[in-house]
């Protein structure tokens, strides 16, 4: 059996970790949970501590893309997601890749400018 180095070994993330991933407040994530019914992290213990899984993070990535990156209001983001779930997911994925490529190109440009 081959070792899979790309596999993410962490199963659960705290609300603080997820908030830091996306650069939002923990209260923003809690609010999104009330507005988007499919975003339901697992809760544990009497204190109801939120535990986000990869599927939850993918949902947050989609919401973050629509609301924070593209500037849609929450109501519009809900309509987009409900009307075209797969299309919204794909657009979010493409946008993430494009942002990554842009950052790589900017880094290369800085290196090239330094060499000149």
PDB file of N, CA and C in Angstrom:
ATOM      1  N   UNK A   1       0.843  -1.179   0.000  1.00  0.00           N
ATOM      2  CA  UNK A   1       0.000   0.000   0.000  1.00  0.00           C
ATOM      3  C   UNK A   1       0.887   1.240   0.000  1.00  0.00           C
ATOM      4  N   UNK A   2       0.632   2.139  -0.920  1.00  0.00           N
ATOM      5  CA  UNK A   2       1.449   3.350  -1.065  1.00  0.00           C
ATOM      6  C   UNK A   2       1.037   4.410  -0.047  1.00  0.00           C
ATOM      7  N   UNK A   3       1.996   5.177   0.381  1.00  0.00           N
ATOM      8  CA  UNK A   3       1.750   6.269   1.308  1.00  0.00           C
ATOM      9  C   UNK A   3       1.223   7.471   0.543  1.00  0.00           C
ATOM     10  N   UNK A   4       0.105   8.009   0.986  1.00  0.00           N
ATOM     11  CA  UNK A   4      -0.501   9.171   0.341  1.00  0.00           C
ATOM     12  C   UNK A   4      -0.090  10.417   1.115  1.00  0.00           C
ATOM     13  N   UNK A   5       0.865  11.163   0.578  1.00  0.00           N
ATOM     14  CA  UNK A   5       1.373  12.350   1.252  1.00  0.00           C
ATOM     15  C   UNK A   5       0.422  13.532   1.153  1.00  0.00           C
ATOM     16  N   UNK A   6      -0.483  13.521   0.187  1.00  0.00           N
ATOM     17  CA  UNK A   6      -1.403  14.646  -0.015  1.00  0.00           C
ATOM     18  C   UNK A   6      -2.626  14.576   0.887  1.00  0.00           C
ATOM     19  N   UNK A   7      -2.818  13.463   1.557  1.00  0.00           N
ATOM     20  CA  UNK A   7      -4.003  13.288   2.382  1.00  0.00           C
ATOM     21  C   UNK A   7      -3.920  14.177   3.619  1.00  0.00           C
ATOM     22  N   UNK A   8      -4.984  14.900   3.850  1.00  0.00           N
ATOM     23  CA  UNK A   8      -5.062  15.750   5.031  1.00  0.00           C
ATOM     24  C   UNK A   8      -5.424  14.865   6.220  1.00  0.00           C
ATOM     25  N   UNK A   9      -4.549  14.794   7.205  1.00  0.00           N
ATOM     26  CA  UNK A   9      -4.755  13.894   8.329  1.00  0.00           C
ATOM     27  C   UNK A   9      -5.694  14.459   9.385  1.00  0.00           C
ATOM     28  N   UNK A  10      -5.925  15.732   9.378  1.00  0.00           N
ATOM     29  CA  UNK A  10      -6.790  16.342  10.384  1.00  0.00           C
ATOM     30  C   UNK A  10      -8.245  16.176   9.971  1.00  0.00           C
ATOM     31  N   UNK A  11      -9.052  15.653  10.871  1.00  0.00           N
ATOM     32  CA  UNK A  11     -10.456  15.412  10.552  1.00  0.00           C
ATOM     33  C   UNK A  11     -11.356  16.570  10.935  1.00  0.00           C
ATOM     34  N   UNK A  12     -11.016  17.271  12.029  1.00  0.00           N
ATOM     35  CA  UNK A  12     -11.864  18.342  12.519  1.00  0.00           C
ATOM     36  C   UNK A  12     -11.054  19.610  12.749  1.00  0.00           C
ATOM     37  N   UNK A  13     -11.694  20.752  12.487  1.00  0.00           N
ATOM     38  CA  UNK A  13     -11.077  22.058  12.699  1.00  0.00           C
ATOM     39  C   UNK A  13     -11.959  22.853  13.651  1.00  0.00           C
ATOM     40  N   UNK A  14     -11.342  23.632  14.498  1.00  0.00           N
ATOM     41  CA  UNK A  14     -12.101  24.486  15.411  1.00  0.00           C
ATOM     42  C   UNK A  14     -12.619  25.701  14.648  1.00  0.00           C
ATOM     43  N   UNK A  15     -13.569  26.386  15.241  1.00  0.00           N
ATOM     44  CA  UNK A  15     -14.121  27.588  14.607  1.00  0.00           C
ATOM     45  C   UNK A  15     -13.031  28.646  14.456  1.00  0.00           C
ATOM     46  N   UNK A  16     -12.109  28.703  15.411  1.00  0.00           N
ATOM     47  CA  UNK A  16     -11.013  29.667  15.345  1.00  0.00           C
ATOM     48  C   UNK A  16     -10.105  29.378  14.146  1.00  0.00           C
ATOM     49  N   UNK A  17      -9.786  28.099  13.934  1.00  0.00           N
ATOM     50  CA  UNK A  17      -8.936  27.721  12.804  1.00  0.00           C
ATOM     51  C   UNK A  17      -9.603  28.060  11.473  1.00  0.00           C
ATOM     52  N   UNK A  18     -10.878  27.775  11.375  1.00  0.00           N
ATOM     53  CA  UNK A  18     -11.608  28.036  10.128  1.00  0.00           C
ATOM     54  C   UNK A  18     -11.724  29.536   9.884  1.00  0.00           C
ATOM     55  N   UNK A  19     -11.987  30.292  10.932  1.00  0.00           N
ATOM     56  CA  UNK A  19     -12.075  31.747  10.795  1.00  0.00           C
ATOM     57  C   UNK A  19     -10.754  32.318  10.305  1.00  0.00           C
ATOM     58  N   UNK A  20      -9.648  31.814  10.816  1.00  0.00           N
ATOM     59  CA  UNK A  20      -8.327  32.279  10.375  1.00  0.00           C
ATOM     60  C   UNK A  20      -8.052  31.891   8.925  1.00  0.00           C
ATOM     61  N   UNK A  21      -8.512  30.703   8.503  1.00  0.00           N
ATOM     62  CA  UNK A  21      -8.324  30.263   7.112  1.00  0.00           C
ATOM     63  C   UNK A  21      -8.913  31.264   6.130  1.00  0.00           C
ATOM     64  N   UNK A  22     -10.074  31.813   6.494  1.00  0.00           N
ATOM     65  CA  UNK A  22     -10.803  32.679   5.573  1.00  0.00           C
ATOM     66  C   UNK A  22     -10.699  34.156   5.923  1.00  0.00           C
ATOM     67  N   UNK A  23     -10.030  34.470   6.994  1.00  0.00           N
ATOM     68  CA  UNK A  23      -9.875  35.869   7.372  1.00  0.00           C
ATOM     69  C   UNK A  23     -11.175  36.533   7.781  1.00  0.00           C
ATOM     70  N   UNK A  24     -12.031  35.780   8.461  1.00  0.00           N
ATOM     71  CA  UNK A  24     -13.301  36.322   8.950  1.00  0.00           C
ATOM     72  C   UNK A  24     -13.379  36.106  10.455  1.00  0.00           C
ATOM     73  N   UNK A  25     -14.338  36.763  11.081  1.00  0.00           N
ATOM     74  CA  UNK A  25     -14.564  36.586  12.514  1.00  0.00           C
ATOM     75  C   UNK A  25     -15.316  35.281  12.766  1.00  0.00           C
ATOM     76  N   UNK A  26     -15.159  34.761  13.966  1.00  0.00           N
ATOM     77  CA  UNK A  26     -15.901  33.563  14.357  1.00  0.00           C
ATOM     78  C   UNK A  26     -17.406  33.843  14.328  1.00  0.00           C
ATOM     79  N   UNK A  27     -17.787  35.063  14.693  1.00  0.00           N
ATOM     80  CA  UNK A  27     -19.212  35.414  14.685  1.00  0.00           C
ATOM     81  C   UNK A  27     -19.783  35.388  13.258  1.00  0.00           C
ATOM     82  N   UNK A  28     -18.945  35.703  12.280  1.00  0.00           N
ATOM     83  CA  UNK A  28     -19.389  35.638  10.884  1.00  0.00           C
ATOM     84  C   UNK A  28     -19.723  34.200  10.513  1.00  0.00           C
ATOM     85  N   UNK A  29     -18.883  33.264  10.920  1.00  0.00           N
ATOM     86  CA  UNK A  29     -19.156  31.853  10.635  1.00  0.00           C
ATOM     87  C   UNK A  29     -20.441  31.397  11.320  1.00  0.00           C
ATOM     88  N   UNK A  30     -20.640  31.816  12.559  1.00  0.00           N
ATOM     89  CA  UNK A  30     -21.864  31.446  13.278  1.00  0.00           C
ATOM     90  C   UNK A  30     -23.103  32.000  12.562  1.00  0.00           C
ATOM     91  N   UNK A  31     -22.972  33.240  12.071  1.00  0.00           N
ATOM     92  CA  UNK A  31     -24.092  33.859  11.355  1.00  0.00           C
ATOM     93  C   UNK A  31     -24.368  33.114  10.054  1.00  0.00           C
ATOM     94  N   UNK A  32     -23.313  32.769   9.327  1.00  0.00           N
ATOM     95  CA  UNK A  32     -23.501  32.021   8.085  1.00  0.00           C
ATOM     96  C   UNK A  32     -24.203  30.692   8.342  1.00  0.00           C
ATOM     97  N   UNK A  33     -23.932  30.074   9.483  1.00  0.00           N
ATOM     98  CA  UNK A  33     -24.609  28.816   9.828  1.00  0.00           C
ATOM     99  C   UNK A  33     -26.113  29.024   9.941  1.00  0.00           C
ATOM    100  N   UNK A  34     -26.542  30.187  10.414  1.00  0.00           N
ATOM    101  CA  UNK A  34     -27.977  30.455  10.527  1.00  0.00           C
ATOM    102  C   UNK A  34     -28.595  30.777   9.170  1.00  0.00           C
ATOM    103  N   UNK A  35     -27.814  31.353   8.284  1.00  0.00           N
ATOM    104  CA  UNK A  35     -28.333  31.769   6.979  1.00  0.00           C
ATOM    105  C   UNK A  35     -28.290  30.671   5.915  1.00  0.00           C
ATOM    106  N   UNK A  36     -27.357  29.748   6.026  1.00  0.00           N
ATOM    107  CA  UNK A  36     -27.187  28.688   5.046  1.00  0.00           C
ATOM    108  C   UNK A  36     -27.429  27.350   5.741  1.00  0.00           C
ATOM    109  N   UNK A  37     -28.608  26.767   5.553  1.00  0.00           N
ATOM    110  CA  UNK A  37     -28.992  25.574   6.312  1.00  0.00           C
ATOM    111  C   UNK A  37     -28.102  24.353   6.072  1.00  0.00           C
ATOM    112  N   UNK A  38     -27.436  24.261   4.955  1.00  0.00           N
ATOM    113  CA  UNK A  38     -26.573  23.101   4.674  1.00  0.00           C
ATOM    114  C   UNK A  38     -25.215  23.220   5.362  1.00  0.00           C
ATOM    115  N   UNK A  39     -24.921  24.350   5.974  1.00  0.00           N
ATOM    116  CA  UNK A  39     -23.672  24.537   6.708  1.00  0.00           C
ATOM    117  C   UNK A  39     -23.936  24.220   8.177  1.00  0.00           C
ATOM    118  N   UNK A  40     -23.680  22.989   8.545  1.00  0.00           N
ATOM    119  CA  UNK A  40     -23.938  22.533   9.909  1.00  0.00           C
ATOM    120  C   UNK A  40     -22.731  21.738  10.415  1.00  0.00           C
ATOM    121  N   UNK A  41     -21.801  22.402  11.098  1.00  0.00           N
ATOM    122  CA  UNK A  41     -20.668  21.654  11.651  1.00  0.00           C
ATOM    123  C   UNK A  41     -21.127  20.762  12.796  1.00  0.00           C
ATOM    124  N   UNK A  42     -20.349  19.738  13.028  1.00  0.00           N
ATOM    125  CA  UNK A  42     -20.631  18.832  14.138  1.00  0.00           C
ATOM    126  C   UNK A  42     -20.385  19.576  15.445  1.00  0.00           C
ATOM    127  N   UNK A  43     -21.240  19.349  16.420  1.00  0.00           N
ATOM    128  CA  UNK A  43     -21.030  19.943  17.737  1.00  0.00           C
ATOM    129  C   UNK A  43     -20.829  18.820  18.737  1.00  0.00           C
ATOM    130  N   UNK A  44     -19.976  19.076  19.725  1.00  0.00           N
ATOM    131  CA  UNK A  44     -19.700  18.037  20.711  1.00  0.00           C
ATOM    132  C   UNK A  44     -19.684  18.613  22.111  1.00  0.00           C
ATOM    133  N   UNK A  45     -20.016  17.750  23.044  1.00  0.00           N
ATOM    134  CA  UNK A  45     -19.964  18.123  24.449  1.00  0.00           C
ATOM    135  C   UNK A  45     -21.101  19.026  24.863  1.00  0.00           C
ATOM    136  N   UNK A  46     -21.203  19.243  26.154  1.00  0.00           N
ATOM    137  CA  UNK A  46     -22.280  20.100  26.668  1.00  0.00           C
ATOM    138  C   UNK A  46     -22.117  21.562  26.246  1.00  0.00           C
ATOM    139  N   UNK A  47     -20.895  21.962  25.912  1.00  0.00           N
ATOM    140  CA  UNK A  47     -20.653  23.343  25.492  1.00  0.00           C
ATOM    141  C   UNK A  47     -20.943  23.546  24.014  1.00  0.00           C
ATOM    142  N   UNK A  48     -21.322  22.471  23.306  1.00  0.00           N
ATOM    143  CA  UNK A  48     -21.642  22.542  21.862  1.00  0.00           C
ATOM    144  C   UNK A  48     -20.487  23.146  21.055  1.00  0.00           C
ATOM    145  N   UNK A  49     -19.298  22.631  21.262  1.00  0.00           N
ATOM    146  CA  UNK A  49     -18.116  23.113  20.548  1.00  0.00           C
ATOM    147  C   UNK A  49     -18.202  22.671  19.096  1.00  0.00           C
ATOM    148  N   UNK A  50     -18.056  23.625  18.183  1.00  0.00           N
ATOM    149  CA  UNK A  50     -18.156  23.340  16.753  1.00  0.00           C
ATOM    150  C   UNK A  50     -16.903  22.633  16.266  1.00  0.00           C
ATOM    151  N   UNK A  51     -17.123  21.608  15.425  1.00  0.00           N
ATOM    152  CA  UNK A  51     -16.030  20.884  14.803  1.00  0.00           C
ATOM    153  C   UNK A  51     -16.316  20.821  13.306  1.00  0.00           C
ATOM    154  N   UNK A  52     -15.519  21.560  12.542  1.00  0.00           N
ATOM    155  CA  UNK A  52     -15.720  21.638  11.098  1.00  0.00           C
ATOM    156  C   UNK A  52     -14.936  20.538  10.399  1.00  0.00           C
ATOM    157  N   UNK A  53     -15.591  19.883   9.444  1.00  0.00           N
ATOM    158  CA  UNK A  53     -14.947  18.878   8.621  1.00  0.00           C
ATOM    159  C   UNK A  53     -14.637  19.490   7.260  1.00  0.00           C
ATOM    160  N   UNK A  54     -13.943  18.727   6.418  1.00  0.00           N
ATOM    161  CA  UNK A  54     -13.589  19.222   5.082  1.00  0.00           C
ATOM    162  C   UNK A  54     -14.823  19.631   4.286  1.00  0.00           C
ATOM    163  N   UNK A  55     -15.905  18.869   4.401  1.00  0.00           N
ATOM    164  CA  UNK A  55     -17.134  19.214   3.647  1.00  0.00           C
ATOM    165  C   UNK A  55     -17.687  20.569   4.104  1.00  0.00           C
ATOM    166  N   UNK A  56     -17.575  20.856   5.389  1.00  0.00           N
ATOM    167  CA  UNK A  56     -18.019  22.156   5.910  1.00  0.00           C
ATOM    168  C   UNK A  56     -17.129  23.273   5.386  1.00  0.00           C
ATOM    169  N   UNK A  57     -15.839  23.016   5.336  1.00  0.00           N
ATOM    170  CA  UNK A  57     -14.890  24.022   4.852  1.00  0.00           C
ATOM    171  C   UNK A  57     -15.125  24.309   3.377  1.00  0.00           C
ATOM    172  N   UNK A  58     -15.490  23.285   2.606  1.00  0.00           N
ATOM    173  CA  UNK A  58     -15.820  23.503   1.192  1.00  0.00           C
ATOM    174  C   UNK A  58     -17.049  24.398   1.059  1.00  0.00           C
ATOM    175  N   UNK A  59     -18.044  24.197   1.921  1.00  0.00           N
ATOM    176  CA  UNK A  59     -19.238  25.044   1.909  1.00  0.00           C
ATOM    177  C   UNK A  59     -18.876  26.485   2.259  1.00  0.00           C
ATOM    178  N   UNK A  60     -18.026  26.643   3.262  1.00  0.00           N
ATOM    179  CA  UNK A  60     -17.610  27.981   3.671  1.00  0.00           C
ATOM    180  C   UNK A  60     -16.806  28.645   2.563  1.00  0.00           C
ATOM    181  N   UNK A  61     -15.985  27.875   1.873  1.00  0.00           N
ATOM    182  CA  UNK A  61     -15.195  28.415   0.761  1.00  0.00           C
ATOM    183  C   UNK A  61     -16.120  28.985  -0.310  1.00  0.00           C
ATOM    184  N   UNK A  62     -17.194  28.282  -0.608  1.00  0.00           N
ATOM    185  CA  UNK A  62     -18.156  28.740  -1.603  1.00  0.00           C
ATOM    186  C   UNK A  62     -18.856  30.018  -1.130  1.00  0.00           C
ATOM    187  N   UNK A  63     -19.313  30.017   0.103  1.00  0.00           N
ATOM    188  CA  UNK A  63     -19.994  31.200   0.647  1.00  0.00           C
ATOM    189  C   UNK A  63     -19.036  32.388   0.697  1.00  0.00           C
ATOM    190  N   UNK A  64     -17.826  32.155   1.159  1.00  0.00           N
ATOM    191  CA  UNK A  64     -16.815  33.222   1.246  1.00  0.00           C
ATOM    192  C   UNK A  64     -16.540  33.810  -0.129  1.00  0.00           C
ATOM    193  N   UNK A  65     -16.420  32.947  -1.125  1.00  0.00           N
ATOM    194  CA  UNK A  65     -16.169  33.417  -2.483  1.00  0.00           C
ATOM    195  C   UNK A  65     -17.289  34.334  -2.959  1.00  0.00           C
ATOM    196  N   UNK A  66     -18.521  33.919  -2.741  1.00  0.00           N
ATOM    197  CA  UNK A  66     -19.655  34.717  -3.218  1.00  0.00           C
ATOM    198  C   UNK A  66     -19.814  36.018  -2.431  1.00  0.00           C
ATOM    199  N   UNK A  67     -19.682  35.944  -1.117  1.00  0.00           N
ATOM    200  CA  UNK A  67     -19.983  37.103  -0.271  1.00  0.00           C
ATOM    201  C   UNK A  67     -18.794  38.041  -0.129  1.00  0.00           C
ATOM    202  N   UNK A  68     -17.643  37.512   0.222  1.00  0.00           N
ATOM    203  CA  UNK A  68     -16.492  38.366   0.526  1.00  0.00           C
ATOM    204  C   UNK A  68     -15.650  38.704  -0.704  1.00  0.00           C
ATOM    205  N   UNK A  69     -15.454  37.731  -1.591  1.00  0.00           N
ATOM    206  CA  UNK A  69     -14.596  37.971  -2.761  1.00  0.00           C
ATOM    207  C   UNK A  69     -15.375  38.669  -3.874  1.00  0.00           C
ATOM    208  N   UNK A  70     -16.547  38.140  -4.203  1.00  0.00           N
ATOM    209  CA  UNK A  70     -17.310  38.684  -5.326  1.00  0.00           C
ATOM    210  C   UNK A  70     -18.292  39.772  -4.916  1.00  0.00           C
ATOM    211  N   UNK A  71     -18.539  39.934  -3.618  1.00  0.00           N
ATOM    212  CA  UNK A  71     -19.337  41.055  -3.131  1.00  0.00           C
ATOM    213  C   UNK A  71     -20.838  40.895  -3.169  1.00  0.00           C
ATOM    214  N   UNK A  72     -21.340  39.673  -3.269  1.00  0.00           N
ATOM    215  CA  UNK A  72     -22.786  39.469  -3.269  1.00  0.00           C
ATOM    216  C   UNK A  72     -23.345  39.637  -1.863  1.00  0.00           C
ATOM    217  N   UNK A  73     -24.575  40.086  -1.779  1.00  0.00           N
ATOM    218  CA  UNK A  73     -25.305  40.104  -0.511  1.00  0.00           C
ATOM    219  C   UNK A  73     -25.663  38.652  -0.165  1.00  0.00           C
ATOM    220  N   UNK A  74     -25.964  38.397   1.096  1.00  0.00           N
ATOM    221  CA  UNK A  74     -26.277  37.028   1.514  1.00  0.00           C
ATOM    222  C   UNK A  74     -27.479  36.453   0.770  1.00  0.00           C
ATOM    223  N   UNK A  75     -28.498  37.260   0.575  1.00  0.00           N
ATOM    224  CA  UNK A  75     -29.690  36.781  -0.130  1.00  0.00           C
ATOM    225  C   UNK A  75     -29.350  36.371  -1.561  1.00  0.00           C
ATOM    226  N   UNK A  76     -28.514  37.170  -2.220  1.00  0.00           N
ATOM    227  CA  UNK A  76     -28.108  36.839  -3.591  1.00  0.00           C
ATOM    228  C   UNK A  76     -27.245  35.582  -3.605  1.00  0.00           C
ATOM    229  N   UNK A  77     -26.373  35.454  -2.631  1.00  0.00           N
ATOM    230  CA  UNK A  77     -25.520  34.265  -2.551  1.00  0.00           C
ATOM    231  C   UNK A  77     -26.380  33.016  -2.359  1.00  0.00           C
ATOM    232  N   UNK A  78     -27.404  33.115  -1.510  1.00  0.00           N
ATOM    233  CA  UNK A  78     -28.301  31.977  -1.308  1.00  0.00           C
ATOM    234  C   UNK A  78     -29.015  31.602  -2.603  1.00  0.00           C
ATOM    235  N   UNK A  79     -29.496  32.614  -3.336  1.00  0.00           N
ATOM    236  CA  UNK A  79     -30.191  32.344  -4.599  1.00  0.00           C
ATOM    237  C   UNK A  79     -29.257  31.677  -5.598  1.00  0.00           C
ATOM    238  N   UNK A  80     -28.037  32.159  -5.689  1.00  0.00           N
ATOM    239  CA  UNK A  80     -27.070  31.583  -6.632  1.00  0.00           C
ATOM    240  C   UNK A  80     -26.785  30.132  -6.275  1.00  0.00           C
ATOM    241  N   UNK A  81     -26.552  29.885  -5.008  1.00  0.00           N
ATOM    242  CA  UNK A  81     -26.238  28.523  -4.578  1.00  0.00           C
ATOM    243  C   UNK A  81     -27.426  27.590  -4.802  1.00  0.00           C
ATOM    244  N   UNK A  82     -28.616  28.041  -4.455  1.00  0.00           N
ATOM    245  CA  UNK A  82     -29.802  27.195  -4.613  1.00  0.00           C
ATOM    246  C   UNK A  82     -30.144  26.960  -6.080  1.00  0.00           C
ATOM    247  N   UNK A  83     -29.943  27.956  -6.917  1.00  0.00           N
ATOM    248  CA  UNK A  83     -30.295  27.838  -8.325  1.00  0.00           C
ATOM    249  C   UNK A  83     -29.299  26.985  -9.100  1.00  0.00           C
ATOM    250  N   UNK A  84     -28.047  27.097  -8.749  1.00  0.00           N
ATOM    251  CA  UNK A  84     -27.029  26.421  -9.545  1.00  0.00           C
ATOM    252  C   UNK A  84     -25.907  25.936  -8.641  1.00  0.00           C
ATOM    253  N   UNK A  85     -26.188  24.964  -7.857  1.00  0.00           N
ATOM    254  CA  UNK A  85     -25.230  24.469  -6.862  1.00  0.00           C
ATOM    255  C   UNK A  85     -23.911  24.038  -7.500  1.00  0.00           C
ATOM    256  N   UNK A  86     -23.965  23.203  -8.524  1.00  0.00           N
ATOM    257  CA  UNK A  86     -22.739  22.715  -9.158  1.00  0.00           C
ATOM    258  C   UNK A  86     -21.978  23.834  -9.852  1.00  0.00           C
ATOM    259  N   UNK A  87     -22.697  24.717 -10.523  1.00  0.00           N
ATOM    260  CA  UNK A  87     -22.045  25.832 -11.208  1.00  0.00           C
ATOM    261  C   UNK A  87     -21.355  26.773 -10.240  1.00  0.00           C
ATOM    262  N   UNK A  88     -21.982  27.041  -9.118  1.00  0.00           N
ATOM    263  CA  UNK A  88     -21.376  27.911  -8.107  1.00  0.00           C
ATOM    264  C   UNK A  88     -20.127  27.268  -7.527  1.00  0.00           C
ATOM    265  N   UNK A  89     -20.174  25.957  -7.303  1.00  0.00           N
ATOM    266  CA  UNK A  89     -19.000  25.242  -6.799  1.00  0.00           C
ATOM    267  C   UNK A  89     -17.844  25.332  -7.789  1.00  0.00           C
ATOM    268  N   UNK A  90     -18.139  25.126  -9.062  1.00  0.00           N
ATOM    269  CA  UNK A  90     -17.094  25.161 -10.091  1.00  0.00           C
ATOM    270  C   UNK A  90     -16.492  26.553 -10.216  1.00  0.00           C
ATOM    271  N   UNK A  91     -17.340  27.583 -10.189  1.00  0.00           N
ATOM    272  CA  UNK A  91     -16.836  28.952 -10.283  1.00  0.00           C
ATOM    273  C   UNK A  91     -15.928  29.275  -9.110  1.00  0.00           C
ATOM    274  N   UNK A  92     -16.300  28.816  -7.937  1.00  0.00           N
ATOM    275  CA  UNK A  92     -15.479  29.035  -6.746  1.00  0.00           C
ATOM    276  C   UNK A  92     -14.136  28.349  -6.901  1.00  0.00           C
ATOM    277  N   UNK A  93     -14.157  27.131  -7.402  1.00  0.00           N
ATOM    278  CA  UNK A  93     -12.919  26.368  -7.603  1.00  0.00           C
ATOM    279  C   UNK A  93     -12.019  27.052  -8.632  1.00  0.00           C
ATOM    280  N   UNK A  94     -12.600  27.500  -9.728  1.00  0.00           N
ATOM    281  CA  UNK A  94     -11.831  28.173 -10.777  1.00  0.00           C
ATOM    282  C   UNK A  94     -11.238  29.473 -10.249  1.00  0.00           C
ATOM    283  N   UNK A  95     -12.037  30.240  -9.505  1.00  0.00           N
ATOM    284  CA  UNK A  95     -11.551  31.500  -8.955  1.00  0.00           C
ATOM    285  C   UNK A  95     -10.386  31.265  -8.003  1.00  0.00           C
ATOM    286  N   UNK A  96     -10.476  30.240  -7.179  1.00  0.00           N
ATOM    287  CA  UNK A  96      -9.388  29.914  -6.253  1.00  0.00           C
ATOM    288  C   UNK A  96      -8.117  29.582  -7.015  1.00  0.00           C
ATOM    289  N   UNK A  97      -8.235  28.810  -8.080  1.00  0.00           N
ATOM    290  CA  UNK A  97      -7.064  28.455  -8.893  1.00  0.00           C
ATOM    291  C   UNK A  97      -6.477  29.688  -9.565  1.00  0.00           C
ATOM    292  N   UNK A  98      -7.337  30.555 -10.087  1.00  0.00           N
ATOM    293  CA  UNK A  98      -6.854  31.765 -10.750  1.00  0.00           C
ATOM    294  C   UNK A  98      -6.128  32.689  -9.776  1.00  0.00           C
ATOM    295  N   UNK A  99      -6.635  32.806  -8.577  1.00  0.00           N
ATOM    296  CA  UNK A  99      -5.974  33.638  -7.565  1.00  0.00           C
ATOM    297  C   UNK A  99      -4.601  33.064  -7.243  1.00  0.00           C
ATOM    298  N   UNK A 100      -4.518  31.749  -7.132  1.00  0.00           N
ATOM    299  CA  UNK A 100      -3.241  31.094  -6.857  1.00  0.00           C
ATOM    300  C   UNK A 100      -2.250  31.337  -7.999  1.00  0.00           C
ATOM    301  N   UNK A 101      -2.715  31.227  -9.220  1.00  0.00           N
ATOM    302  CA  UNK A 101      -1.851  31.463 -10.384  1.00  0.00           C
ATOM    303  C   UNK A 101      -1.377  32.911 -10.416  1.00  0.00           C
ATOM    304  N   UNK A 102      -2.289  33.846 -10.124  1.00  0.00           N
ATOM    305  CA  UNK A 102      -1.922  35.260 -10.103  1.00  0.00           C
ATOM    306  C   UNK A 102      -0.822  35.519  -9.076  1.00  0.00           C
ATOM    307  N   UNK A 103      -0.959  34.917  -7.892  1.00  0.00           N
ATOM    308  CA  UNK A 103       0.061  35.089  -6.857  1.00  0.00           C
ATOM    309  C   UNK A 103       1.406  34.523  -7.299  1.00  0.00           C
ATOM    310  N   UNK A 104       1.386  33.397  -7.977  1.00  0.00           N
ATOM    311  CA  UNK A 104       2.622  32.801  -8.483  1.00  0.00           C
ATOM    312  C   UNK A 104       3.268  33.702  -9.537  1.00  0.00           C
ATOM    313  N   UNK A 105       2.437  34.249 -10.408  1.00  0.00           N
ATOM    314  CA  UNK A 105       2.966  35.136 -11.446  1.00  0.00           C
ATOM    315  C   UNK A 105       3.535  36.419 -10.849  1.00  0.00           C
ATOM    316  N   UNK A 106       2.872  36.952  -9.833  1.00  0.00           N
ATOM    317  CA  UNK A 106       3.384  38.149  -9.172  1.00  0.00           C
ATOM    318  C   UNK A 106       4.718  37.857  -8.494  1.00  0.00           C
ATOM    319  N   UNK A 107       4.841  36.698  -7.924  1.00  0.00           N
ATOM    320  CA  UNK A 107       6.094  36.303  -7.295  1.00  0.00           C
ATOM    321  C   UNK A 107       7.208  36.183  -8.339  1.00  0.00           C
ATOM    322  N   UNK A 108       6.897  35.583  -9.468  1.00  0.00           N
ATOM    323  CA  UNK A 108       7.885  35.463 -10.550  1.00  0.00           C
ATOM    324  C   UNK A 108       8.297  36.830 -11.078  1.00  0.00           C
ATOM    325  N   UNK A 109       7.324  37.734 -11.200  1.00  0.00           N
ATOM    326  CA  UNK A 109       7.633  39.080 -11.684  1.00  0.00           C
ATOM    327  C   UNK A 109       8.581  39.786 -10.719  1.00  0.00           C
ATOM    328  N   UNK A 110       8.337  39.649  -9.418  1.00  0.00           N
ATOM    329  CA  UNK A 110       9.229  40.259  -8.434  1.00  0.00           C
ATOM    330  C   UNK A 110      10.641  39.697  -8.549  1.00  0.00           C
ATOM    331  N   UNK A 111      10.732  38.401  -8.760  1.00  0.00           N
ATOM    332  CA  UNK A 111      12.042  37.776  -8.927  1.00  0.00           C
ATOM    333  C   UNK A 111      12.743  38.288 -10.180  1.00  0.00           C
ATOM    334  N   UNK A 112      11.979  38.445 -11.253  1.00  0.00           N
ATOM    335  CA  UNK A 112      12.551  38.931 -12.510  1.00  0.00           C
ATOM    336  C   UNK A 112      12.998  40.384 -12.365  1.00  0.00           C
ATOM    337  N   UNK A 113      12.195  41.208 -11.682  1.00  0.00           N
ATOM    338  CA  UNK A 113      12.558  42.597 -11.453  1.00  0.00           C
ATOM    339  C   UNK A 113      13.820  42.698 -10.604  1.00  0.00           C
ATOM    340  N   UNK A 114      13.962  41.800  -9.671  1.00  0.00           N
ATOM    341  CA  UNK A 114      15.150  41.789  -8.800  1.00  0.00           C
ATOM    342  C   UNK A 114      16.400  41.456  -9.596  1.00  0.00           C
ATOM    343  N   UNK A 115      16.282  40.585 -10.596  1.00  0.00           N
ATOM    344  CA  UNK A 115      17.430  40.179 -11.403  1.00  0.00           C
ATOM    345  C   UNK A 115      17.886  41.283 -12.368  1.00  0.00           C
ATOM    346  N   UNK A 116      16.988  42.174 -12.708  1.00  0.00           N
ATOM    347  CA  UNK A 116      17.341  43.218 -13.697  1.00  0.00           C
ATOM    348  C   UNK A 116      18.058  44.371 -13.080  1.00  0.00           C
TER     349      UNK A 116
END
